[in-house]
Amino acid sequence: MIEVRYRVYGPLRDIVRCDELALQVPPPCTGEAAFDVLADAFPPIRAWRPSLRLAVNLCYVPFEVALNEGDEISFLPPVSGG
């Protein structure tokens, strides 16, 4: 297992009720596995999966990307402006 830091934004922050947390991700340590860990801890997040983008260390990446110990990840919901 590795520990990653999650940065949480928008409606996901409303569910998690904090801006940042650290969780252990089991092998295979991918963005998808990290999402599953977060969704297991906060089940309402699972409904957001189809519309989320993943960023690792401030770069957009596919959910299949391999994670490393200490990575900072964000699951970014859609944003609208006006």
PDB file of N, CA and C in Angstrom:
ATOM      1  N   MET A   1       0.838  -1.184   0.000  1.00  0.00           N
ATOM      2  CA  MET A   1       0.000   0.000   0.000  1.00  0.00           C
ATOM      3  C   MET A   1       0.877   1.239   0.000  1.00  0.00           C
ATOM      4  N   ILE A   2       0.315   2.282  -0.583  1.00  0.00           N
ATOM      5  CA  ILE A   2       0.989   3.575  -0.554  1.00  0.00           C
ATOM      6  C   ILE A   2       0.028   4.607   0.016  1.00  0.00           C
ATOM      7  N   GLU A   3       0.580   5.682   0.544  1.00  0.00           N
ATOM      8  CA  GLU A   3      -0.256   6.777   1.018  1.00  0.00           C
ATOM      9  C   GLU A   3      -0.214   7.905   0.005  1.00  0.00           C
ATOM     10  N   VAL A   4      -1.391   8.396  -0.359  1.00  0.00           N
ATOM     11  CA  VAL A   4      -1.489   9.549  -1.253  1.00  0.00           C
ATOM     12  C   VAL A   4      -2.305  10.631  -0.555  1.00  0.00           C
ATOM     13  N   ARG A   5      -2.048  11.864  -0.953  1.00  0.00           N
ATOM     14  CA  ARG A   5      -2.793  13.009  -0.432  1.00  0.00           C
ATOM     15  C   ARG A   5      -3.861  13.392  -1.440  1.00  0.00           C
ATOM     16  N   TYR A   6      -5.069  13.524  -0.970  1.00  0.00           N
ATOM     17  CA  TYR A   6      -6.195  13.928  -1.794  1.00  0.00           C
ATOM     18  C   TYR A   6      -6.479  15.403  -1.541  1.00  0.00           C
ATOM     19  N   ARG A   7      -6.582  16.180  -2.597  1.00  0.00           N
ATOM     20  CA  ARG A   7      -7.092  17.556  -2.526  1.00  0.00           C
ATOM     21  C   ARG A   7      -8.527  17.474  -3.038  1.00  0.00           C
ATOM     22  N   VAL A   8      -9.461  18.080  -2.309  1.00  0.00           N
ATOM     23  CA  VAL A   8     -10.878  17.905  -2.605  1.00  0.00           C
ATOM     24  C   VAL A   8     -11.510  19.271  -2.893  1.00  0.00           C
ATOM     25  N   TYR A   9     -12.273  19.349  -3.998  1.00  0.00           N
ATOM     26  CA  TYR A   9     -12.833  20.612  -4.462  1.00  0.00           C
ATOM     27  C   TYR A   9     -14.333  20.505  -4.713  1.00  0.00           C
ATOM     28  N   GLY A  10     -14.992  21.662  -4.708  1.00  0.00           N
ATOM     29  CA  GLY A  10     -16.385  21.778  -5.123  1.00  0.00           C
ATOM     30  C   GLY A  10     -17.335  20.887  -4.354  1.00  0.00           C
ATOM     31  N   PRO A  11     -18.258  20.252  -5.064  1.00  0.00           N
ATOM     32  CA  PRO A  11     -19.260  19.428  -4.389  1.00  0.00           C
ATOM     33  C   PRO A  11     -18.646  18.216  -3.694  1.00  0.00           C
ATOM     34  N   LEU A  12     -17.485  17.764  -4.135  1.00  0.00           N
ATOM     35  CA  LEU A  12     -16.831  16.654  -3.436  1.00  0.00           C
ATOM     36  C   LEU A  12     -16.378  17.093  -2.051  1.00  0.00           C
ATOM     37  N   ARG A  13     -15.933  18.328  -1.941  1.00  0.00           N
ATOM     38  CA  ARG A  13     -15.530  18.866  -0.635  1.00  0.00           C
ATOM     39  C   ARG A  13     -16.730  18.907   0.312  1.00  0.00           C
ATOM     40  N   ASP A  14     -17.913  19.204  -0.222  1.00  0.00           N
ATOM     41  CA  ASP A  14     -19.112  19.210   0.605  1.00  0.00           C
ATOM     42  C   ASP A  14     -19.396  17.817   1.175  1.00  0.00           C
ATOM     43  N   ILE A  15     -19.081  16.784   0.418  1.00  0.00           N
ATOM     44  CA  ILE A  15     -19.297  15.407   0.867  1.00  0.00           C
ATOM     45  C   ILE A  15     -18.239  15.005   1.892  1.00  0.00           C
ATOM     46  N   VAL A  16     -16.982  15.300   1.594  1.00  0.00           N
ATOM     47  CA  VAL A  16     -15.866  14.886   2.452  1.00  0.00           C
ATOM     48  C   VAL A  16     -15.748  15.782   3.690  1.00  0.00           C
ATOM     49  N   ARG A  17     -16.151  17.043   3.546  1.00  0.00           N
ATOM     50  CA  ARG A  17     -16.126  18.035   4.622  1.00  0.00           C
ATOM     51  C   ARG A  17     -14.717  18.416   5.061  1.00  0.00           C
ATOM     52  N   CYS A  18     -13.798  18.389   4.108  1.00  0.00           N
ATOM     53  CA  CYS A  18     -12.456  18.914   4.337  1.00  0.00           C
ATOM     54  C   CYS A  18     -11.814  19.174   2.978  1.00  0.00           C
ATOM     55  N   ASP A  19     -10.720  19.924   2.980  1.00  0.00           N
ATOM     56  CA  ASP A  19     -10.034  20.270   1.735  1.00  0.00           C
ATOM     57  C   ASP A  19      -8.978  19.255   1.334  1.00  0.00           C
ATOM     58  N   GLU A  20      -8.450  18.544   2.307  1.00  0.00           N
ATOM     59  CA  GLU A  20      -7.336  17.627   2.044  1.00  0.00           C
ATOM     60  C   GLU A  20      -7.384  16.471   3.033  1.00  0.00           C
ATOM     61  N   LEU A  21      -7.032  15.277   2.571  1.00  0.00           N
ATOM     62  CA  LEU A  21      -6.907  14.121   3.432  1.00  0.00           C
ATOM     63  C   LEU A  21      -5.900  13.154   2.833  1.00  0.00           C
ATOM     64  N   ALA A  22      -5.397  12.259   3.640  1.00  0.00           N
ATOM     65  CA  ALA A  22      -4.453  11.238   3.184  1.00  0.00           C
ATOM     66  C   ALA A  22      -5.073   9.876   3.446  1.00  0.00           C
ATOM     67  N   LEU A  23      -4.978   8.990   2.455  1.00  0.00           N
ATOM     68  CA  LEU A  23      -5.517   7.639   2.577  1.00  0.00           C
ATOM     69  C   LEU A  23      -4.538   6.643   1.970  1.00  0.00           C
ATOM     70  N   GLN A  24      -4.628   5.407   2.419  1.00  0.00           N
ATOM     71  CA  GLN A  24      -3.810   4.318   1.896  1.00  0.00           C
ATOM     72  C   GLN A  24      -4.500   3.697   0.679  1.00  0.00           C
ATOM     73  N   VAL A  25      -3.748   3.522  -0.392  1.00  0.00           N
ATOM     74  CA  VAL A  25      -4.276   2.929  -1.620  1.00  0.00           C
ATOM     75  C   VAL A  25      -3.607   1.567  -1.819  1.00  0.00           C
ATOM     76  N   PRO A  26      -4.412   0.500  -1.946  1.00  0.00           N
ATOM     77  CA  PRO A  26      -3.836  -0.834  -2.138  1.00  0.00           C
ATOM     78  C   PRO A  26      -3.428  -1.066  -3.591  1.00  0.00           C
ATOM     79  N   PRO A  27      -2.564  -2.044  -3.833  1.00  0.00           N
ATOM     80  CA  PRO A  27      -2.200  -2.387  -5.212  1.00  0.00           C
ATOM     81  C   PRO A  27      -3.413  -2.913  -5.965  1.00  0.00           C
ATOM     82  N   PRO A  28      -3.524  -2.703  -7.247  1.00  0.00           N
ATOM     83  CA  PRO A  28      -2.632  -1.882  -8.049  1.00  0.00           C
ATOM     84  C   PRO A  28      -2.874  -0.407  -7.738  1.00  0.00           C
ATOM     85  N   CYS A  29      -1.852   0.312  -7.474  1.00  0.00           N
ATOM     86  CA  CYS A  29      -1.943   1.712  -7.049  1.00  0.00           C
ATOM     87  C   CYS A  29      -2.135   2.614  -8.264  1.00  0.00           C
ATOM     88  N   THR A  30      -3.388   2.748  -8.667  1.00  0.00           N
ATOM     89  CA  THR A  30      -3.740   3.566  -9.827  1.00  0.00           C
ATOM     90  C   THR A  30      -4.714   4.659  -9.395  1.00  0.00           C
ATOM     91  N   GLY A  31      -4.969   5.582 -10.274  1.00  0.00           N
ATOM     92  CA  GLY A  31      -5.974   6.598 -10.010  1.00  0.00           C
ATOM     93  C   GLY A  31      -7.339   5.986  -9.753  1.00  0.00           C
ATOM     94  N   GLU A  32      -7.661   4.935 -10.494  1.00  0.00           N
ATOM     95  CA  GLU A  32      -8.947   4.256 -10.306  1.00  0.00           C
ATOM     96  C   GLU A  32      -9.032   3.642  -8.907  1.00  0.00           C
ATOM     97  N   ALA A  33      -7.958   3.003  -8.457  1.00  0.00           N
ATOM     98  CA  ALA A  33      -7.931   2.425  -7.106  1.00  0.00           C
ATOM     99  C   ALA A  33      -8.057   3.516  -6.054  1.00  0.00           C
ATOM    100  N   ALA A  34      -7.411   4.654  -6.283  1.00  0.00           N
ATOM    101  CA  ALA A  34      -7.499   5.774  -5.342  1.00  0.00           C
ATOM    102  C   ALA A  34      -8.933   6.307  -5.284  1.00  0.00           C
ATOM    103  N   PHE A  35      -9.601   6.353  -6.438  1.00  0.00           N
ATOM    104  CA  PHE A  35     -10.999   6.774  -6.436  1.00  0.00           C
ATOM    105  C   PHE A  35     -11.840   5.788  -5.640  1.00  0.00           C
ATOM    106  N   ASP A  36     -11.616   4.499  -5.826  1.00  0.00           N
ATOM    107  CA  ASP A  36     -12.390   3.486  -5.101  1.00  0.00           C
ATOM    108  C   ASP A  36     -12.210   3.614  -3.596  1.00  0.00           C
ATOM    109  N   VAL A  37     -10.990   3.897  -3.147  1.00  0.00           N
ATOM    110  CA  VAL A  37     -10.735   4.080  -1.712  1.00  0.00           C
ATOM    111  C   VAL A  37     -11.533   5.270  -1.189  1.00  0.00           C
ATOM    112  N   LEU A  38     -11.510   6.375  -1.919  1.00  0.00           N
ATOM    113  CA  LEU A  38     -12.245   7.562  -1.504  1.00  0.00           C
ATOM    114  C   LEU A  38     -13.757   7.292  -1.511  1.00  0.00           C
ATOM    115  N   ALA A  39     -14.239   6.625  -2.538  1.00  0.00           N
ATOM    116  CA  ALA A  39     -15.668   6.334  -2.644  1.00  0.00           C
ATOM    117  C   ALA A  39     -16.118   5.326  -1.590  1.00  0.00           C
ATOM    118  N   ASP A  40     -15.252   4.413  -1.192  1.00  0.00           N
ATOM    119  CA  ASP A  40     -15.605   3.491  -0.108  1.00  0.00           C
ATOM    120  C   ASP A  40     -15.764   4.249   1.207  1.00  0.00           C
ATOM    121  N   ALA A  41     -14.920   5.264   1.425  1.00  0.00           N
ATOM    122  CA  ALA A  41     -14.992   6.062   2.646  1.00  0.00           C
ATOM    123  C   ALA A  41     -16.151   7.057   2.617  1.00  0.00           C
ATOM    124  N   PHE A  42     -16.489   7.534   1.414  1.00  0.00           N
ATOM    125  CA  PHE A  42     -17.547   8.545   1.238  1.00  0.00           C
ATOM    126  C   PHE A  42     -18.425   8.120   0.058  1.00  0.00           C
ATOM    127  N   PRO A  43     -19.345   7.176   0.256  1.00  0.00           N
ATOM    128  CA  PRO A  43     -20.119   6.593  -0.847  1.00  0.00           C
ATOM    129  C   PRO A  43     -20.821   7.571  -1.788  1.00  0.00           C
ATOM    130  N   PRO A  44     -21.331   8.721  -1.347  1.00  0.00           N
ATOM    131  CA  PRO A  44     -21.992   9.615  -2.312  1.00  0.00           C
ATOM    132  C   PRO A  44     -21.074  10.097  -3.441  1.00  0.00           C
ATOM    133  N   ILE A  45     -19.774  10.014  -3.233  1.00  0.00           N
ATOM    134  CA  ILE A  45     -18.829  10.446  -4.274  1.00  0.00           C
ATOM    135  C   ILE A  45     -18.916   9.554  -5.507  1.00  0.00           C
ATOM    136  N   ARG A  46     -19.295   8.307  -5.324  1.00  0.00           N
ATOM    137  CA  ARG A  46     -19.342   7.364  -6.446  1.00  0.00           C
ATOM    138  C   ARG A  46     -20.221   7.882  -7.591  1.00  0.00           C
ATOM    139  N   ALA A  47     -21.277   8.596  -7.282  1.00  0.00           N
ATOM    140  CA  ALA A  47     -22.181   9.118  -8.320  1.00  0.00           C
ATOM    141  C   ALA A  47     -21.487  10.137  -9.216  1.00  0.00           C
ATOM    142  N   TRP A  48     -20.414  10.747  -8.744  1.00  0.00           N
ATOM    143  CA  TRP A  48     -19.694  11.760  -9.521  1.00  0.00           C
ATOM    144  C   TRP A  48     -18.694  11.161 -10.509  1.00  0.00           C
ATOM    145  N   ARG A  49     -18.367   9.882 -10.395  1.00  0.00           N
ATOM    146  CA  ARG A  49     -17.287   9.273 -11.185  1.00  0.00           C
ATOM    147  C   ARG A  49     -17.362   9.546 -12.684  1.00  0.00           C
ATOM    148  N   PRO A  50     -18.533   9.461 -13.337  1.00  0.00           N
ATOM    149  CA  PRO A  50     -18.564   9.668 -14.794  1.00  0.00           C
ATOM    150  C   PRO A  50     -18.108  11.051 -15.247  1.00  0.00           C
ATOM    151  N   SER A  51     -18.183  12.049 -14.373  1.00  0.00           N
ATOM    152  CA  SER A  51     -17.857  13.401 -14.811  1.00  0.00           C
ATOM    153  C   SER A  51     -16.546  13.939 -14.247  1.00  0.00           C
ATOM    154  N   LEU A  52     -15.799  13.129 -13.519  1.00  0.00           N
ATOM    155  CA  LEU A  52     -14.566  13.612 -12.890  1.00  0.00           C
ATOM    156  C   LEU A  52     -13.350  13.502 -13.794  1.00  0.00           C
ATOM    157  N   ARG A  53     -12.427  14.437 -13.604  1.00  0.00           N
ATOM    158  CA  ARG A  53     -11.083  14.354 -14.202  1.00  0.00           C
ATOM    159  C   ARG A  53     -10.113  14.100 -13.066  1.00  0.00           C
ATOM    160  N   LEU A  54      -9.014  13.436 -13.363  1.00  0.00           N
ATOM    161  CA  LEU A  54      -7.989  13.134 -12.362  1.00  0.00           C
ATOM    162  C   LEU A  54      -6.750  13.972 -12.632  1.00  0.00           C
ATOM    163  N   ALA A  55      -6.234  14.588 -11.581  1.00  0.00           N
ATOM    164  CA  ALA A  55      -4.950  15.286 -11.651  1.00  0.00           C
ATOM    165  C   ALA A  55      -4.021  14.661 -10.615  1.00  0.00           C
ATOM    166  N   VAL A  56      -2.796  14.382 -11.034  1.00  0.00           N
ATOM    167  CA  VAL A  56      -1.764  13.869 -10.126  1.00  0.00           C
ATOM    168  C   VAL A  56      -0.607  14.855 -10.176  1.00  0.00           C
ATOM    169  N   ASN A  57      -0.265  15.375  -9.015  1.00  0.00           N
ATOM    170  CA  ASN A  57       0.811  16.365  -8.915  1.00  0.00           C
ATOM    171  C   ASN A  57       0.612  17.506  -9.915  1.00  0.00           C
ATOM    172  N   LEU A  58      -0.634  17.989  -9.970  1.00  0.00           N
ATOM    173  CA  LEU A  58      -1.037  19.152 -10.764  1.00  0.00           C
ATOM    174  C   LEU A  58      -1.073  18.920 -12.275  1.00  0.00           C
ATOM    175  N   CYS A  59      -1.036  17.677 -12.719  1.00  0.00           N
ATOM    176  CA  CYS A  59      -1.132  17.360 -14.156  1.00  0.00           C
ATOM    177  C   CYS A  59      -2.328  16.442 -14.393  1.00  0.00           C
ATOM    178  N   TYR A  60      -3.120  16.756 -15.419  1.00  0.00           N
ATOM    179  CA  TYR A  60      -4.220  15.865 -15.789  1.00  0.00           C
ATOM    180  C   TYR A  60      -3.658  14.562 -16.337  1.00  0.00           C
ATOM    181  N   VAL A  61      -4.220  13.445 -15.859  1.00  0.00           N
ATOM    182  CA  VAL A  61      -3.765  12.124 -16.286  1.00  0.00           C
ATOM    183  C   VAL A  61      -4.981  11.204 -16.396  1.00  0.00           C
ATOM    184  N   PRO A  62      -4.840  10.080 -17.104  1.00  0.00           N
ATOM    185  CA  PRO A  62      -5.934   9.108 -17.147  1.00  0.00           C
ATOM    186  C   PRO A  62      -6.041   8.360 -15.811  1.00  0.00           C
ATOM    187  N   PHE A  63      -7.208   7.822 -15.538  1.00  0.00           N
ATOM    188  CA  PHE A  63      -7.429   7.103 -14.288  1.00  0.00           C
ATOM    189  C   PHE A  63      -6.555   5.851 -14.166  1.00  0.00           C
ATOM    190  N   GLU A  64      -5.990   5.371 -15.252  1.00  0.00           N
ATOM    191  CA  GLU A  64      -5.160   4.170 -15.235  1.00  0.00           C
ATOM    192  C   GLU A  64      -3.723   4.453 -14.799  1.00  0.00           C
ATOM    193  N   VAL A  65      -3.367   5.709 -14.575  1.00  0.00           N
ATOM    194  CA  VAL A  65      -1.992   6.074 -14.243  1.00  0.00           C
ATOM    195  C   VAL A  65      -1.566   5.411 -12.934  1.00  0.00           C
ATOM    196  N   ALA A  66      -0.297   5.004 -12.872  1.00  0.00           N
ATOM    197  CA  ALA A  66       0.273   4.438 -11.644  1.00  0.00           C
ATOM    198  C   ALA A  66       0.602   5.571 -10.680  1.00  0.00           C
ATOM    199  N   LEU A  67       0.274   5.356  -9.417  1.00  0.00           N
ATOM    200  CA  LEU A  67       0.554   6.348  -8.381  1.00  0.00           C
ATOM    201  C   LEU A  67       1.788   5.946  -7.595  1.00  0.00           C
ATOM    202  N   ASN A  68       2.431   6.946  -7.005  1.00  0.00           N
ATOM    203  CA  ASN A  68       3.609   6.725  -6.180  1.00  0.00           C
ATOM    204  C   ASN A  68       3.370   7.277  -4.786  1.00  0.00           C
ATOM    205  N   GLU A  69       4.107   6.741  -3.834  1.00  0.00           N
ATOM    206  CA  GLU A  69       4.028   7.206  -2.448  1.00  0.00           C
ATOM    207  C   GLU A  69       4.138   8.731  -2.393  1.00  0.00           C
ATOM    208  N   GLY A  70       3.204   9.362  -1.688  1.00  0.00           N
ATOM    209  CA  GLY A  70       3.253  10.806  -1.490  1.00  0.00           C
ATOM    210  C   GLY A  70       2.664  11.647  -2.602  1.00  0.00           C
ATOM    211  N   ASP A  71       2.157  11.024  -3.676  1.00  0.00           N
ATOM    212  CA  ASP A  71       1.538  11.808  -4.744  1.00  0.00           C
ATOM    213  C   ASP A  71       0.371  12.620  -4.190  1.00  0.00           C
ATOM    214  N   GLU A  72       0.148  13.787  -4.794  1.00  0.00           N
ATOM    215  CA  GLU A  72      -1.020  14.594  -4.487  1.00  0.00           C
ATOM    216  C   GLU A  72      -2.002  14.418  -5.630  1.00  0.00           C
ATOM    217  N   ILE A  73      -3.198  13.958  -5.313  1.00  0.00           N
ATOM    218  CA  ILE A  73      -4.187  13.709  -6.354  1.00  0.00           C
ATOM    219  C   ILE A  73      -5.439  14.546  -6.097  1.00  0.00           C
ATOM    220  N   SER A  74      -6.114  14.857  -7.182  1.00  0.00           N
ATOM    221  CA  SER A  74      -7.380  15.587  -7.128  1.00  0.00           C
ATOM    222  C   SER A  74      -8.334  14.969  -8.137  1.00  0.00           C
ATOM    223  N   PHE A  75      -9.558  14.760  -7.705  1.00  0.00           N
ATOM    224  CA  PHE A  75     -10.623  14.368  -8.603  1.00  0.00           C
ATOM    225  C   PHE A  75     -11.447  15.623  -8.832  1.00  0.00           C
ATOM    226  N   LEU A  76     -11.385  16.144 -10.038  1.00  0.00           N
ATOM    227  CA  LEU A  76     -11.947  17.452 -10.332  1.00  0.00           C
ATOM    228  C   LEU A  76     -13.323  17.335 -10.981  1.00  0.00           C
ATOM    229  N   PRO A  77     -14.333  17.893 -10.330  1.00  0.00           N
ATOM    230  CA  PRO A  77     -15.670  17.895 -10.913  1.00  0.00           C
ATOM    231  C   PRO A  77     -15.762  18.942 -12.019  1.00  0.00           C
ATOM    232  N   PRO A  78     -16.790  18.865 -12.868  1.00  0.00           N
ATOM    233  CA  PRO A  78     -16.960  19.865 -13.914  1.00  0.00           C
ATOM    234  C   PRO A  78     -17.151  21.246 -13.295  1.00  0.00           C
ATOM    235  N   VAL A  79     -16.708  22.244 -14.009  1.00  0.00           N
ATOM    236  CA  VAL A  79     -16.798  23.625 -13.548  1.00  0.00           C
ATOM    237  C   VAL A  79     -17.533  24.428 -14.614  1.00  0.00           C
ATOM    238  N   SER A  80     -18.416  25.284 -14.173  1.00  0.00           N
ATOM    239  CA  SER A  80     -19.061  26.186 -15.130  1.00  0.00           C
ATOM    240  C   SER A  80     -18.794  27.612 -14.701  1.00  0.00           C
ATOM    241  N   GLY A  81     -18.845  28.469 -15.639  1.00  0.00           N
ATOM    242  CA  GLY A  81     -18.580  29.874 -15.339  1.00  0.00           C
ATOM    243  C   GLY A  81     -19.597  30.760 -16.030  1.00  0.00           C
ATOM    244  N   GLY A  82     -19.420  31.994 -15.835  1.00  0.00           N
ATOM    245  CA  GLY A  82     -20.375  32.869 -16.479  1.00  0.00           C
ATOM    246  C   GLY A  82     -19.931  34.288 -16.466  1.00  0.00           C
TER     247      GLY A  82
END
